[in-house]
Amino acid sequence: MNDKINKAQIEFGDFQTPPMLAGEICRRLLEFGIEPKLIIEPTCGVGSFVDASLKYFPSTSKVIGIDINQNHLKQIEQKKEIELINGDFFTVDWSSVLDTNNNILFLGNLPWVTNSKQGLIQGYNLPQKENLKGLTGLDALTGKSNFDISEWMLIKLAEILQIHSGYLAFICKTSVARKLLTYIHDKKHRLTYAAILNINSKKHFDVSIDACLLFCQFDQDIYNYECQVFEDLQKQKQSYKLGYREGIILKQVEVFDRLSYLYNKDRKKWHSGIKHDCSKVMELKKINDKLFNNLGEEVEIEDTYLYPLLKGSDVANGRIHKTNRYLIVTQKLLADPTESITEIAPKTWQYLENHANFFDSRKSKLYKNSSRFSIFGVGQYSFTPWKIAICGLYKKLSFSLINPLENKPVVFDDTVYFLSFNTHNEAHRVLDILNSDIAMQFLSALIFWDEKRPIKASILNSFNHEVFLAKC
């Protein structure tokens, strides 16, 4: 987002919906055939949606606008048809607002900010802390506990609509829409119908975010967890259908159903590259036959623990046949002690000791109670001579065969996923399978390209290339 946006705008997600867009959305909702009795915009701002609601749903009994900002409400308070509430979404007494009403439409545009961003700006526009998804262990340590504020809000409204029948229709990040649908699916909540309609966020809000209108209907004891996806608000024909199989969300359920025999439920073969959180010290670059760290210091160490390094950008862009980057790999297994480096490679140990403060300041709990100078994401698989690799951050399916460099196995940073092989022939055979049309169709049915890391180990592991080989 634009650097000029102030703290308050970030904290409260204060990006007002253009009236034209609000009207366009209400027109599209009419095409879904809804006739709500009560319409509530829970973060109404200056009232784009409450205004549009009055125009497009004239038979509605009541329209309520709620906002924490009294100045926003003053801009629409002269409209007698609207009931205004100056309140915080997170502390609103929803039971008194809703009373016994059914056929409710929750409508609007919720804040586009995460709880971690709130922490960075020391914001307080947050729900009371709770682990909504029951995350434990590694998931909680590696960032999956971060969530969008709008995700929490949508979950709250979806829970309300399990009791009061009705609809929700909100502009949100497309990833947030999927997270809500997954929450509803995992909780086995009732859901009559769901649709995602893509929105051009650059055009309407001047931000480059994959955004959509999420529409959900909750009015019967129906448990329909498939979701129609439309190219935009105007298109009547769906582009594809989201759904769930084997407990996971799929971008294209029809494709998955056709190729479900290739699904691999249990086997875990793909690994991620090495994580060390100390690139200034651990990553070295060769310039004119001399090694330098990322502090600009010349480094003289043994090559015992030094391995050629390919980063995700190298793998994604085909720079795989040579490298001038190297990584100090201090362990071959996570449980290995690092003290043995003292005798095997004393220069390397002294180098690490000289920069111990960088390791000691690593904040991740992954390294807690581990050997000094320890790393993460390393195993015997890291040291096989041939590998098939792909970068998880790039929006393309492109697999590469990685050969040894300088008579050593190549290692990767933690944006790369890879398979390990002891023979070139086996690696090349699997590469051909992964680059086949059928493999591409199968994997594409599971990948959401708008995510920060669209390609994941769980997705790659789901493709059973051995079954594919047996079918050929």
Protein backbone atom coordinates (compact mmCIF):
# COMPACT_ATOMS: atom_id res chain seq x y z
CA MET A 1 0.00 0.00 0.00
CA ASN A 2 1.01 3.63 -0.47
CA ASP A 3 3.62 4.83 2.05
CA LYS A 4 1.59 8.00 2.56
CA ILE A 5 -1.23 6.14 4.26
CA ASN A 6 -1.22 7.16 7.91
CA LYS A 7 -1.26 4.94 10.96
CA ALA A 8 -4.97 5.47 11.69
CA GLN A 9 -5.94 4.53 8.14
CA ILE A 10 -3.91 1.34 8.39
CA GLU A 11 -5.15 0.49 11.88
CA PHE A 12 -8.83 0.81 11.01
CA GLY A 13 -8.62 -0.36 7.40
CA ASP A 14 -10.10 2.99 6.43
CA PHE A 15 -10.34 2.48 2.66
CA GLN A 16 -13.76 3.79 1.70
CA THR A 17 -15.70 1.91 -0.97
CA PRO A 18 -16.48 4.04 -4.05
CA PRO A 19 -20.25 4.55 -4.30
CA MET A 20 -20.25 3.25 -7.88
CA LEU A 21 -18.70 -0.05 -6.74
CA ALA A 22 -21.15 -0.36 -3.84
CA GLY A 23 -24.02 0.09 -6.28
CA GLU A 24 -22.57 -2.43 -8.70
CA ILE A 25 -22.29 -4.98 -5.89
CA CYS A 26 -25.87 -4.42 -4.75
CA ARG A 27 -27.11 -4.89 -8.33
CA ARG A 28 -25.21 -8.18 -8.51
CA LEU A 29 -26.72 -9.31 -5.21
CA LEU A 30 -30.18 -8.71 -6.66
CA GLU A 31 -29.27 -11.13 -9.44
CA PHE A 32 -28.65 -13.77 -6.78
CA GLY A 33 -32.32 -13.34 -5.86
CA ILE A 34 -31.93 -12.14 -2.29
CA GLU A 35 -34.59 -10.07 -0.47
CA PRO A 36 -33.20 -9.25 2.98
CA LYS A 37 -35.41 -7.84 5.72
CA LEU A 38 -32.53 -6.38 7.73
CA ILE A 39 -29.30 -5.02 6.23
CA ILE A 40 -26.30 -4.29 8.44
CA GLU A 41 -23.04 -2.70 7.37
CA PRO A 42 -20.83 -3.46 10.41
CA THR A 43 -17.98 -1.10 9.43
CA CYS A 44 -19.98 1.41 7.42
CA GLY A 45 -17.50 4.31 7.17
CA VAL A 46 -19.14 7.16 5.26
CA GLY A 47 -21.99 4.90 4.15
CA SER A 48 -21.43 3.79 0.56
CA PHE A 49 -23.15 0.47 1.14
CA VAL A 50 -25.97 1.72 3.35
CA ASP A 51 -26.75 4.29 0.64
CA ALA A 52 -26.72 1.63 -2.07
CA SER A 53 -28.86 -0.66 0.10
CA LEU A 54 -31.62 1.96 0.32
CA LYS A 55 -31.64 2.29 -3.45
CA TYR A 56 -31.49 -1.37 -4.46
CA PHE A 57 -33.40 -3.02 -1.60
CA PRO A 58 -36.35 -0.63 -1.01
CA SER A 59 -38.47 -3.34 0.62
CA THR A 60 -35.95 -3.87 3.42
CA SER A 61 -37.44 -3.14 6.85
CA LYS A 62 -34.32 -1.63 8.38
CA VAL A 63 -30.78 -0.61 7.41
CA ILE A 64 -28.18 -0.31 10.18
CA GLY A 65 -24.75 1.27 9.86
CA ILE A 66 -22.13 0.61 12.54
CA ASP A 67 -18.77 2.34 12.75
CA ILE A 68 -16.17 3.14 15.38
CA ASN A 69 -15.49 6.56 13.83
CA GLN A 70 -18.04 9.16 14.93
CA ASN A 71 -16.86 11.58 12.23
CA HIS A 72 -17.83 9.07 9.55
CA LEU A 73 -21.29 8.66 11.02
CA LYS A 74 -21.87 12.40 11.06
CA GLN A 75 -21.65 12.40 7.27
CA ILE A 76 -24.67 10.12 6.96
CA GLU A 77 -26.69 10.86 10.11
CA GLN A 78 -29.12 13.12 8.27
CA LYS A 79 -30.56 10.11 6.45
CA LYS A 80 -33.49 9.16 8.65
CA GLU A 81 -33.97 5.79 6.96
CA ILE A 82 -30.70 4.52 8.42
CA GLU A 83 -30.13 3.55 12.05
CA LEU A 84 -26.57 4.44 13.06
CA ILE A 85 -24.56 2.90 15.88
CA ASN A 86 -21.25 4.34 17.03
CA GLY A 87 -19.49 1.18 18.15
CA ASP A 88 -16.52 -1.12 17.85
CA PHE A 89 -17.18 -4.29 15.86
CA PHE A 90 -15.27 -6.30 18.46
CA THR A 91 -17.44 -5.15 21.38
CA VAL A 92 -20.86 -4.77 19.73
CA ASP A 93 -23.69 -6.58 21.54
CA TRP A 94 -24.89 -8.44 18.46
CA SER A 95 -27.78 -10.13 20.27
CA SER A 96 -29.42 -6.77 20.97
CA VAL A 97 -28.74 -5.44 17.45
CA LEU A 98 -30.22 -8.50 15.77
CA ASP A 99 -32.95 -9.31 18.28
CA THR A 100 -34.99 -12.16 16.73
CA ASN A 101 -34.50 -11.08 13.13
CA ASN A 102 -33.81 -13.52 10.32
CA ASN A 103 -33.17 -12.97 6.63
CA ILE A 104 -30.25 -10.67 7.50
CA LEU A 105 -27.72 -9.31 5.02
CA PHE A 106 -24.35 -8.38 6.46
CA LEU A 107 -22.75 -6.18 3.82
CA GLY A 108 -19.65 -4.07 3.40
CA ASN A 109 -15.90 -3.75 3.15
CA LEU A 110 -13.87 -4.95 6.13
CA PRO A 111 -10.34 -3.80 7.11
CA TRP A 112 -7.52 -5.13 4.95
CA VAL A 113 -4.85 -5.47 7.63
CA THR A 114 -3.31 -8.35 9.60
CA ASN A 115 -2.84 -8.69 13.33
CA SER A 116 0.95 -8.63 12.81
CA LYS A 117 0.67 -5.28 10.98
CA GLN A 118 -1.34 -3.97 13.93
CA GLY A 119 1.54 -5.04 16.16
CA LEU A 120 4.07 -3.21 14.00
CA ILE A 121 2.15 0.06 14.20
CA GLN A 122 1.09 -0.58 17.82
CA GLY A 123 -2.55 -0.54 16.80
CA TYR A 124 -5.40 -1.63 19.05
CA ASN A 125 -8.16 -2.33 16.52
CA LEU A 126 -8.06 -6.04 17.32
CA PRO A 127 -10.33 -8.75 18.71
CA GLN A 128 -9.59 -10.25 22.09
CA LYS A 129 -6.72 -12.68 21.59
CA GLU A 130 -7.79 -16.25 21.00
CA ASN A 131 -6.50 -19.14 18.93
CA LEU A 132 -9.40 -19.41 16.50
CA LYS A 133 -7.89 -22.25 14.52
CA GLY A 134 -6.33 -24.23 17.38
CA LEU A 135 -2.80 -23.89 16.03
CA THR A 136 -0.10 -25.70 17.94
CA GLY A 137 3.61 -26.37 17.76
CA LEU A 138 5.43 -25.56 14.54
CA ASP A 139 2.43 -23.89 12.86
CA ALA A 140 2.25 -21.34 15.66
CA LEU A 141 6.01 -20.70 15.45
CA THR A 142 6.32 -20.31 11.69
CA GLY A 143 3.71 -17.67 10.99
CA LYS A 144 0.44 -19.52 10.45
CA SER A 145 -0.94 -17.84 13.57
CA ASN A 146 -0.89 -14.51 11.69
CA PHE A 147 -4.37 -13.62 10.42
CA ASP A 148 -6.28 -10.83 8.71
CA ILE A 149 -8.55 -8.83 10.98
CA SER A 150 -11.29 -9.22 8.36
CA GLU A 151 -10.95 -13.00 8.64
CA TRP A 152 -11.86 -12.83 12.34
CA MET A 153 -14.78 -10.52 11.56
CA LEU A 154 -16.12 -12.80 8.84
CA ILE A 155 -15.87 -15.81 11.11
CA LYS A 156 -17.84 -13.94 13.76
CA LEU A 157 -20.59 -13.02 11.27
CA ALA A 158 -20.70 -16.54 9.84
CA GLU A 159 -21.18 -17.88 13.37
CA ILE A 160 -24.06 -15.45 13.90
CA LEU A 161 -25.67 -16.65 10.66
CA GLN A 162 -25.65 -20.21 11.94
CA ILE A 163 -28.37 -18.97 14.32
CA HIS A 164 -30.00 -16.18 12.30
CA SER A 165 -30.56 -17.14 8.68
CA GLY A 166 -29.32 -14.75 6.04
CA TYR A 167 -26.40 -13.67 3.90
CA LEU A 168 -23.01 -12.06 4.04
CA ALA A 169 -21.49 -10.11 1.16
CA PHE A 170 -18.13 -8.45 1.71
CA ILE A 171 -15.22 -7.05 -0.22
CA CYS A 172 -12.11 -8.77 1.09
CA LYS A 173 -8.82 -10.30 0.03
CA THR A 174 -9.44 -13.40 -2.05
CA SER A 175 -7.20 -15.38 0.30
CA VAL A 176 -9.38 -14.29 3.24
CA ALA A 177 -12.51 -15.46 1.41
CA ARG A 178 -10.99 -18.92 1.03
CA LYS A 179 -9.95 -18.98 4.68
CA LEU A 180 -13.52 -18.28 5.76
CA LEU A 181 -14.86 -21.02 3.49
CA THR A 182 -12.29 -23.42 4.90
CA TYR A 183 -13.28 -22.48 8.44
CA ILE A 184 -16.96 -23.14 7.63
CA HIS A 185 -16.04 -26.46 6.03
CA ASP A 186 -13.81 -27.58 8.89
CA LYS A 187 -16.45 -26.64 11.50
CA LYS A 188 -19.11 -28.45 9.45
CA HIS A 189 -21.29 -25.35 9.57
CA ARG A 190 -24.32 -25.09 7.34
CA LEU A 191 -23.84 -23.24 4.06
CA THR A 192 -26.43 -23.03 1.30
CA TYR A 193 -24.43 -21.27 -1.40
CA ALA A 194 -21.10 -19.46 -1.83
CA ALA A 195 -19.60 -17.34 -4.61
CA ILE A 196 -16.39 -15.40 -5.11
CA LEU A 197 -16.55 -12.56 -7.64
CA ASN A 198 -13.19 -11.03 -8.49
CA ILE A 199 -12.73 -7.27 -8.09
CA ASN A 200 -10.11 -4.99 -9.66
CA SER A 201 -8.58 -3.55 -6.47
CA LYS A 202 -6.13 -1.38 -8.40
CA LYS A 203 -8.98 0.33 -10.22
CA HIS A 204 -11.23 0.84 -7.20
CA PHE A 205 -8.78 1.24 -4.28
CA ASP A 206 -5.38 1.87 -5.93
CA VAL A 207 -3.84 -1.15 -4.18
CA SER A 208 -2.34 -4.24 -5.80
CA ILE A 209 -4.15 -6.95 -3.86
CA ASP A 210 -6.16 -9.90 -5.14
CA ALA A 211 -9.61 -8.92 -3.92
CA CYS A 212 -13.14 -10.14 -4.39
CA LEU A 213 -16.74 -9.92 -3.32
CA LEU A 214 -17.47 -12.93 -1.12
CA PHE A 215 -21.15 -13.89 -1.05
CA CYS A 216 -22.48 -16.60 1.26
CA GLN A 217 -26.04 -17.72 1.93
CA PHE A 218 -27.06 -19.40 5.19
CA ASP A 219 -30.77 -20.15 5.30
CA GLN A 220 -31.36 -23.90 5.28
CA ASP A 221 -29.93 -27.08 6.77
CA ILE A 222 -27.72 -27.51 3.71
CA TYR A 223 -24.00 -28.24 3.83
CA ASN A 224 -22.76 -27.22 0.40
CA TYR A 225 -19.03 -26.49 0.56
CA GLU A 226 -18.44 -25.82 -3.12
CA CYS A 227 -17.98 -22.23 -4.23
CA GLN A 228 -18.54 -20.72 -7.66
CA VAL A 229 -15.82 -18.33 -8.79
CA PHE A 230 -16.62 -15.57 -11.28
CA GLU A 231 -14.12 -13.56 -13.30
CA ASP A 232 -15.70 -10.28 -12.21
CA LEU A 233 -18.93 -8.77 -10.91
CA GLN A 234 -20.57 -8.69 -14.34
CA LYS A 235 -19.88 -12.24 -15.50
CA GLN A 236 -22.81 -14.62 -15.11
CA LYS A 237 -20.89 -17.75 -16.04
CA GLN A 238 -18.51 -19.17 -13.46
CA SER A 239 -14.81 -19.46 -14.28
CA TYR A 240 -14.26 -22.48 -12.06
CA LYS A 241 -15.50 -24.10 -8.88
CA LEU A 242 -13.71 -24.30 -5.54
CA GLY A 243 -14.38 -27.26 -3.34
CA TYR A 244 -13.03 -29.73 -0.82
CA ARG A 245 -11.75 -33.24 -1.28
CA GLU A 246 -9.68 -35.22 1.17
CA GLY A 247 -10.07 -32.39 3.66
CA ILE A 248 -8.21 -29.84 1.52
CA ILE A 249 -9.39 -26.86 -0.50
CA LEU A 250 -9.09 -27.22 -4.26
CA LYS A 251 -9.08 -24.52 -6.89
CA GLN A 252 -10.74 -26.75 -9.50
CA VAL A 253 -12.72 -29.67 -8.10
CA GLU A 254 -13.74 -30.99 -11.53
CA VAL A 255 -10.10 -31.41 -12.59
CA PHE A 256 -9.18 -33.04 -9.28
CA ASP A 257 -12.09 -35.47 -9.52
CA ARG A 258 -10.96 -36.49 -13.00
CA LEU A 259 -7.37 -37.06 -11.85
CA SER A 260 -7.99 -38.15 -8.26
CA TYR A 261 -6.19 -41.45 -8.83
CA LEU A 262 -2.96 -39.43 -8.76
CA TYR A 263 -3.64 -38.07 -5.27
CA ASN A 264 -1.08 -39.00 -2.65
CA LYS A 265 -2.43 -38.75 0.88
CA ASP A 266 0.37 -39.87 3.16
CA ARG A 267 3.80 -39.84 1.55
CA LYS A 268 6.13 -36.94 2.37
CA LYS A 269 8.96 -36.67 -0.14
CA TRP A 270 9.32 -32.98 -0.89
CA HIS A 271 11.56 -30.96 1.42
CA SER A 272 12.26 -27.27 1.79
CA GLY A 273 15.70 -25.70 1.70
CA ILE A 274 17.83 -24.78 4.68
CA LYS A 275 16.67 -22.14 7.14
CA HIS A 276 19.31 -20.36 9.23
CA ASP A 277 18.09 -16.76 9.80
CA CYS A 278 21.66 -15.51 9.64
CA SER A 279 22.37 -14.64 6.01
CA LYS A 280 24.96 -11.97 6.85
CA VAL A 281 27.24 -14.66 8.23
CA MET A 282 26.16 -17.99 6.74
CA GLU A 283 25.85 -17.00 3.08
CA LEU A 284 29.09 -16.28 1.25
CA LYS A 285 29.83 -14.99 -2.23
CA LYS A 286 32.93 -15.69 -4.30
CA ILE A 287 34.49 -12.68 -6.03
CA ASN A 288 37.82 -13.10 -7.85
CA ASP A 289 38.41 -16.43 -6.08
CA LYS A 290 37.90 -14.85 -2.66
CA LEU A 291 34.95 -15.40 -0.33
CA PHE A 292 33.01 -12.53 1.21
CA ASN A 293 30.10 -12.56 3.63
CA ASN A 294 27.13 -10.22 3.46
CA LEU A 295 28.87 -7.86 5.89
CA GLY A 296 31.48 -7.20 3.21
CA GLU A 297 34.18 -9.08 5.12
CA GLU A 298 36.63 -11.40 3.40
CA VAL A 299 36.30 -14.92 4.79
CA GLU A 300 39.00 -17.59 4.93
CA ILE A 301 37.61 -20.94 6.05
CA GLU A 302 37.90 -24.62 5.13
CA ASP A 303 35.54 -25.92 2.43
CA THR A 304 34.43 -28.85 4.65
CA TYR A 305 31.14 -27.25 5.64
CA LEU A 306 30.79 -25.08 2.55
CA TYR A 307 28.21 -26.02 -0.10
CA PRO A 308 27.15 -24.38 -3.37
CA LEU A 309 23.93 -22.43 -2.83
CA LEU A 310 21.05 -21.76 -5.21
CA LYS A 311 18.40 -19.32 -4.07
CA GLY A 312 14.75 -19.44 -5.08
CA SER A 313 15.23 -16.74 -7.71
CA ASP A 314 18.07 -18.79 -9.25
CA VAL A 315 15.90 -21.90 -9.50
CA ALA A 316 12.89 -19.98 -10.86
CA ASN A 317 14.94 -18.19 -13.53
CA GLY A 318 17.03 -21.14 -14.69
CA ARG A 319 20.35 -19.99 -13.18
CA ILE A 320 21.16 -23.52 -12.06
CA HIS A 321 24.34 -24.55 -13.88
CA LYS A 322 26.80 -22.47 -11.88
CA THR A 323 26.86 -20.30 -8.80
CA ASN A 324 29.16 -17.99 -6.89
CA ARG A 325 27.10 -18.30 -3.71
CA TYR A 326 27.87 -20.71 -0.89
CA LEU A 327 26.27 -21.69 2.39
CA ILE A 328 27.94 -22.83 5.58
CA VAL A 329 26.02 -25.97 6.55
CA THR A 330 26.84 -26.75 10.17
CA GLN A 331 24.78 -29.95 10.55
CA LYS A 332 23.71 -32.96 8.51
CA LEU A 333 20.90 -33.82 10.89
CA LEU A 334 18.92 -31.53 13.17
CA ALA A 335 20.16 -33.36 16.26
CA ASP A 336 23.84 -33.15 15.30
CA PRO A 337 26.04 -31.25 17.77
CA THR A 338 28.05 -28.45 16.16
CA GLU A 339 30.96 -28.55 18.57
CA SER A 340 32.75 -31.12 16.39
CA ILE A 341 33.46 -28.29 13.91
CA THR A 342 36.15 -27.14 16.36
CA GLU A 343 38.42 -30.07 15.48
CA ILE A 344 37.30 -30.82 11.91
CA ALA A 345 37.41 -27.23 10.61
CA PRO A 346 38.96 -24.88 13.21
CA LYS A 347 38.93 -21.83 10.89
CA THR A 348 35.23 -22.30 10.29
CA TRP A 349 34.57 -22.60 14.02
CA GLN A 350 36.57 -19.49 14.75
CA TYR A 351 34.67 -17.60 12.06
CA LEU A 352 31.37 -18.65 13.62
CA GLU A 353 32.61 -17.74 17.09
CA ASN A 354 33.67 -14.31 15.87
CA HIS A 355 30.12 -13.69 14.67
CA ALA A 356 28.30 -15.46 17.49
CA ASN A 357 26.27 -12.35 18.32
CA PHE A 358 24.37 -12.72 15.03
CA PHE A 359 23.36 -16.26 15.95
CA ASP A 360 22.54 -15.39 19.54
CA SER A 361 20.16 -12.65 18.38
CA ARG A 362 18.06 -14.97 16.22
CA LYS A 363 14.50 -14.60 17.49
CA SER A 364 12.89 -17.78 16.18
CA LYS A 365 12.09 -20.40 18.79
CA LEU A 366 13.19 -23.02 16.26
CA TYR A 367 16.74 -22.61 17.56
CA LYS A 368 15.88 -22.67 21.23
CA ASN A 369 17.63 -25.51 23.11
CA SER A 370 19.51 -26.45 19.91
CA SER A 371 23.25 -26.63 19.37
CA ARG A 372 25.05 -23.35 18.91
CA PHE A 373 25.18 -22.28 15.24
CA SER A 374 22.43 -24.80 14.48
CA ILE A 375 20.26 -24.61 11.35
CA PHE A 376 16.82 -25.91 10.43
CA GLY A 377 15.48 -27.86 7.46
CA VAL A 378 18.45 -30.17 7.00
CA GLY A 379 18.71 -33.95 6.69
CA GLN A 380 20.30 -36.69 4.63
CA TYR A 381 18.07 -35.55 1.77
CA SER A 382 20.03 -32.29 1.64
CA PHE A 383 23.21 -34.07 0.54
CA THR A 384 22.06 -36.35 -2.27
CA PRO A 385 23.81 -35.52 -5.57
CA TRP A 386 20.75 -34.91 -7.77
CA LYS A 387 17.63 -32.97 -6.99
CA ILE A 388 14.47 -31.73 -8.67
CA ALA A 389 13.69 -28.23 -7.44
CA ILE A 390 11.04 -25.52 -7.69
CA CYS A 391 10.68 -22.13 -6.02
CA GLY A 392 7.53 -21.73 -3.91
CA LEU A 393 7.28 -17.96 -4.38
CA TYR A 394 7.00 -17.67 -8.15
CA LYS A 395 3.71 -17.87 -9.98
CA LYS A 396 4.68 -20.64 -12.34
CA LEU A 397 5.05 -24.40 -12.34
CA SER A 398 8.57 -25.01 -13.52
CA PHE A 399 10.65 -27.94 -12.28
CA SER A 400 14.43 -28.08 -12.75
CA LEU A 401 16.95 -30.89 -12.46
CA ILE A 402 19.84 -29.76 -10.26
CA ASN A 403 23.19 -31.47 -10.75
CA PRO A 404 26.13 -31.34 -8.32
CA LEU A 405 28.31 -28.24 -8.63
CA GLU A 406 32.03 -28.24 -7.92
CA ASN A 407 31.73 -31.93 -6.99
CA LYS A 408 29.37 -31.14 -4.15
CA PRO A 409 25.59 -31.42 -3.75
CA VAL A 410 23.75 -28.15 -4.13
CA VAL A 411 21.76 -26.72 -1.19
CA PHE A 412 18.89 -24.23 -1.34
CA ASP A 413 17.36 -21.45 0.70
CA ASP A 414 14.03 -22.09 2.37
CA THR A 415 11.95 -20.72 -0.53
CA VAL A 416 12.82 -23.82 -2.56
CA TYR A 417 11.19 -27.26 -2.45
CA PHE A 418 13.03 -30.28 -3.78
CA LEU A 419 13.10 -34.05 -4.27
CA SER A 420 16.35 -35.96 -3.70
CA PHE A 421 17.86 -38.69 -5.88
CA ASN A 422 20.97 -40.83 -5.77
CA THR A 423 21.04 -41.43 -9.53
CA HIS A 424 20.74 -39.10 -12.48
CA ASN A 425 18.52 -41.50 -14.43
CA GLU A 426 15.91 -41.70 -11.69
CA ALA A 427 15.89 -37.91 -11.28
CA HIS A 428 15.48 -37.34 -15.02
CA ARG A 429 12.63 -39.84 -15.23
CA VAL A 430 10.68 -38.11 -12.44
CA LEU A 431 11.41 -34.70 -13.99
CA ASP A 432 9.70 -35.80 -17.21
CA ILE A 433 6.66 -36.89 -15.21
CA LEU A 434 6.43 -33.62 -13.26
CA ASN A 435 6.65 -31.56 -16.44
CA SER A 436 3.93 -33.60 -18.18
CA ASP A 437 0.57 -32.08 -19.09
CA ILE A 438 -1.33 -34.34 -16.69
CA ALA A 439 0.92 -33.44 -13.75
CA MET A 440 0.52 -29.75 -14.56
CA GLN A 441 -3.27 -30.10 -14.68
CA PHE A 442 -3.36 -31.96 -11.38
CA LEU A 443 -1.12 -29.52 -9.51
CA SER A 444 -2.82 -26.46 -11.03
CA ALA A 445 -6.12 -27.70 -9.60
CA LEU A 446 -4.64 -27.25 -6.10
CA ILE A 447 -2.67 -24.02 -6.47
CA PHE A 448 -4.02 -20.55 -5.69
CA TRP A 449 -1.68 -18.16 -7.45
CA ASP A 450 -2.69 -15.11 -5.43
CA GLU A 451 -1.07 -16.49 -2.28
CA LYS A 452 2.30 -15.19 -1.12
CA ARG A 453 3.78 -18.68 -1.44
CA PRO A 454 1.48 -20.39 -3.93
CA ILE A 455 3.51 -23.57 -4.30
CA LYS A 456 3.74 -25.56 -1.05
CA ALA A 457 5.28 -28.85 -0.02
CA SER A 458 1.81 -30.18 0.87
CA ILE A 459 0.62 -29.55 -2.69
CA LEU A 460 3.70 -31.09 -4.28
CA ASN A 461 3.47 -34.13 -1.99
CA SER A 462 -0.13 -34.67 -3.07
CA PHE A 463 0.96 -35.74 -6.58
CA ASN A 464 1.86 -39.43 -6.70
CA HIS A 465 4.33 -39.65 -9.58
CA GLU A 466 4.80 -43.38 -8.95
CA VAL A 467 1.13 -44.04 -9.71
CA PHE A 468 1.47 -41.89 -12.82
CA LEU A 469 4.47 -43.98 -13.93
CA ALA A 470 2.57 -47.23 -13.37
CA LYS A 471 -0.32 -45.97 -15.53
CA CYS A 472 1.97 -45.14 -18.46
